[in-house]
Amino acid sequence: MKLFFIPLTAILLSSCSSSSNLITTKKAARVVHQASDETVGRVSIGDLNSSFLESGSESNYNHSVIEIAGNIIAYGLTEEGVYTVTLRENDHEALCTFEESISKQLGGGRTISSGASVTVRGQCQSTGFFASHPFTLHGCKIVAK
């Protein structure tokens, strides 16, 4: 019975976190859209990584709307309809999530393509201990190419 319970728990947990990622992205997109330029912080990806690795969810940037710049190293679409873009600045990476409105800007030399340099604005949130990145920018929008 224990062998059956562990895989079932893992499936349920991953299903819950996947659907909540779409909800999180949509909620954050509203916050990002409403943020005024004066309240948006501009931070390097390296500084964000350091802050979240040192302080976790207690980081001063957690739940703040910020802008970061970097080169696109990966992009994709999750099964739940969340577009993801990974940015790199020097040796540091950031995962950014977008709503479906970004879809026409993906790939083939468009705004979101491998190697392109962009500035994005999003709501920064701690991802927890077992994530591949210490934070994620949710509800992002492209600010500059």
Protein backbone atom coordinates (compact mmCIF):
# COMPACT_ATOMS: atom_id res chain seq x y z
CA MET A 1 0.00 0.00 0.00
CA LYS A 2 2.86 2.41 0.76
CA LEU A 3 4.31 1.95 -2.73
CA PHE A 4 1.02 3.04 -4.31
CA PHE A 5 0.57 6.04 -1.99
CA ILE A 6 3.90 7.73 -2.80
CA PRO A 7 3.42 7.92 -6.62
CA LEU A 8 -0.20 9.02 -6.17
CA THR A 9 0.89 11.81 -3.83
CA ALA A 10 3.55 12.96 -6.30
CA ILE A 11 1.00 13.08 -9.13
CA LEU A 12 -1.47 15.08 -7.05
CA LEU A 13 1.18 17.53 -5.89
CA SER A 14 2.51 18.13 -9.40
CA SER A 15 -1.02 18.61 -10.75
CA CYS A 16 -1.83 21.19 -8.10
CA SER A 17 1.37 23.14 -8.62
CA SER A 18 0.96 23.15 -12.42
CA SER A 19 -2.52 24.63 -12.41
CA SER A 20 -1.56 27.13 -9.73
CA ASN A 21 1.31 28.31 -11.97
CA LEU A 22 -1.20 29.51 -14.60
CA ILE A 23 -3.27 31.22 -11.91
CA THR A 24 -0.14 32.78 -10.40
CA THR A 25 0.95 34.05 -13.83
CA LYS A 26 -2.45 35.61 -14.56
CA LYS A 27 -2.66 37.29 -11.14
CA ALA A 28 0.88 38.60 -11.43
CA ALA A 29 0.20 39.93 -14.94
CA ARG A 30 -2.54 42.15 -13.50
CA VAL A 31 -0.16 43.45 -10.83
CA VAL A 32 2.58 44.09 -13.41
CA HIS A 33 0.14 45.89 -15.72
CA GLN A 34 -0.95 48.20 -12.88
CA ALA A 35 2.56 48.99 -11.61
CA SER A 36 3.76 52.52 -12.29
CA ASP A 37 7.25 53.09 -13.68
CA GLU A 38 8.24 54.92 -10.47
CA THR A 39 7.58 51.87 -8.29
CA VAL A 40 9.36 49.30 -10.46
CA GLY A 41 12.82 48.24 -9.29
CA ARG A 42 15.60 47.60 -11.79
CA VAL A 43 17.88 44.83 -10.60
CA SER A 44 20.53 42.54 -12.06
CA ILE A 45 19.77 38.84 -12.25
CA GLY A 46 22.89 38.20 -10.16
CA ASP A 47 21.67 40.48 -7.35
CA LEU A 48 18.27 38.75 -7.38
CA ASN A 49 19.89 35.31 -7.21
CA SER A 50 22.04 36.39 -4.27
CA SER A 51 19.10 37.92 -2.43
CA PHE A 52 16.89 34.84 -2.78
CA LEU A 53 19.69 32.37 -2.03
CA GLU A 54 20.54 34.28 1.16
CA SER A 55 17.04 35.23 2.34
CA GLY A 56 14.57 32.98 0.49
CA SER A 57 11.01 34.20 0.81
CA GLU A 58 12.26 36.96 3.15
CA SER A 59 14.07 38.65 0.24
CA ASN A 60 13.27 42.34 -0.18
CA TYR A 61 12.34 41.55 -3.80
CA ASN A 62 9.76 38.87 -3.02
CA HIS A 63 6.37 39.90 -4.48
CA SER A 64 7.87 43.11 -5.91
CA VAL A 65 7.50 44.20 -9.53
CA ILE A 66 10.96 44.48 -11.05
CA GLU A 67 12.74 44.73 -14.37
CA ILE A 68 15.65 42.57 -15.45
CA ALA A 69 17.66 42.40 -18.65
CA GLY A 70 19.39 39.46 -20.23
CA ASN A 71 19.84 37.21 -23.22
CA ILE A 72 17.23 34.58 -24.00
CA ILE A 73 18.66 31.08 -23.68
CA ALA A 74 15.39 29.10 -23.75
CA TYR A 75 11.66 29.53 -24.21
CA GLY A 76 8.66 27.27 -24.31
CA LEU A 77 5.03 26.57 -23.51
CA THR A 78 3.87 24.41 -20.61
CA GLU A 79 0.93 22.02 -20.84
CA GLU A 80 -1.07 24.50 -18.75
CA GLY A 81 -0.63 27.34 -21.27
CA VAL A 82 2.09 29.29 -19.47
CA TYR A 83 4.85 30.63 -21.71
CA THR A 84 8.30 30.46 -20.12
CA VAL A 85 11.46 32.34 -21.03
CA THR A 86 14.85 31.83 -19.42
CA LEU A 87 17.17 34.84 -19.38
CA ARG A 88 20.89 34.80 -18.70
CA GLU A 89 23.01 37.69 -17.51
CA ASN A 90 26.68 36.78 -17.07
CA ASP A 91 26.57 33.44 -15.17
CA HIS A 92 23.10 33.93 -13.66
CA GLU A 93 19.72 32.81 -14.98
CA ALA A 94 16.12 33.86 -14.36
CA LEU A 95 12.90 32.07 -15.26
CA CYS A 96 10.09 34.34 -16.48
CA THR A 97 6.46 33.39 -17.09
CA PHE A 98 4.13 35.08 -19.58
CA GLU A 99 0.46 34.89 -20.50
CA GLU A 100 -0.70 33.76 -23.94
CA SER A 101 -0.55 37.32 -25.31
CA ILE A 102 3.20 36.79 -25.89
CA SER A 103 2.61 33.90 -28.33
CA LYS A 104 2.96 35.93 -31.54
CA GLN A 105 6.36 37.23 -30.43
CA LEU A 106 7.98 33.76 -30.10
CA GLY A 107 10.68 32.22 -32.29
CA GLY A 108 12.09 32.72 -35.74
CA GLY A 109 13.93 36.00 -35.21
CA ARG A 110 11.00 37.59 -33.37
CA THR A 111 11.29 39.37 -30.01
CA ILE A 112 11.48 36.06 -28.08
CA SER A 113 14.12 33.99 -29.83
CA SER A 114 17.34 32.33 -28.71
CA GLY A 115 20.14 34.83 -28.20
CA ALA A 116 17.89 37.91 -28.28
CA SER A 117 18.55 40.56 -25.65
CA VAL A 118 15.44 41.80 -23.81
CA THR A 119 14.29 43.65 -20.73
CA VAL A 120 11.26 42.19 -18.98
CA ARG A 121 9.06 43.40 -16.15
CA GLY A 122 7.43 40.88 -13.81
CA GLN A 123 6.42 40.11 -10.26
CA CYS A 124 9.28 38.39 -8.46
CA GLN A 125 8.43 35.40 -6.25
CA SER A 126 10.48 32.93 -4.27
CA THR A 127 10.31 29.39 -5.69
CA GLY A 128 11.39 27.37 -2.67
CA PHE A 129 14.17 24.93 -1.86
CA PHE A 130 13.84 22.31 -4.60
CA ALA A 131 13.36 24.56 -7.63
CA SER A 132 15.98 24.98 -10.34
CA HIS A 133 15.92 28.77 -9.83
CA PRO A 134 15.64 30.56 -6.44
CA PHE A 135 12.98 32.92 -7.84
CA THR A 136 10.62 33.31 -10.79
CA LEU A 137 9.32 36.46 -12.45
CA HIS A 138 5.59 35.88 -13.03
CA GLY A 139 3.18 37.76 -15.27
CA CYS A 140 5.99 39.24 -17.33
CA LYS A 141 5.83 41.66 -20.19
CA ILE A 142 8.53 42.80 -22.60
CA VAL A 143 9.70 46.33 -21.81
CA ALA A 144 12.59 46.70 -24.28
CA LYS A 145 14.29 44.69 -27.01
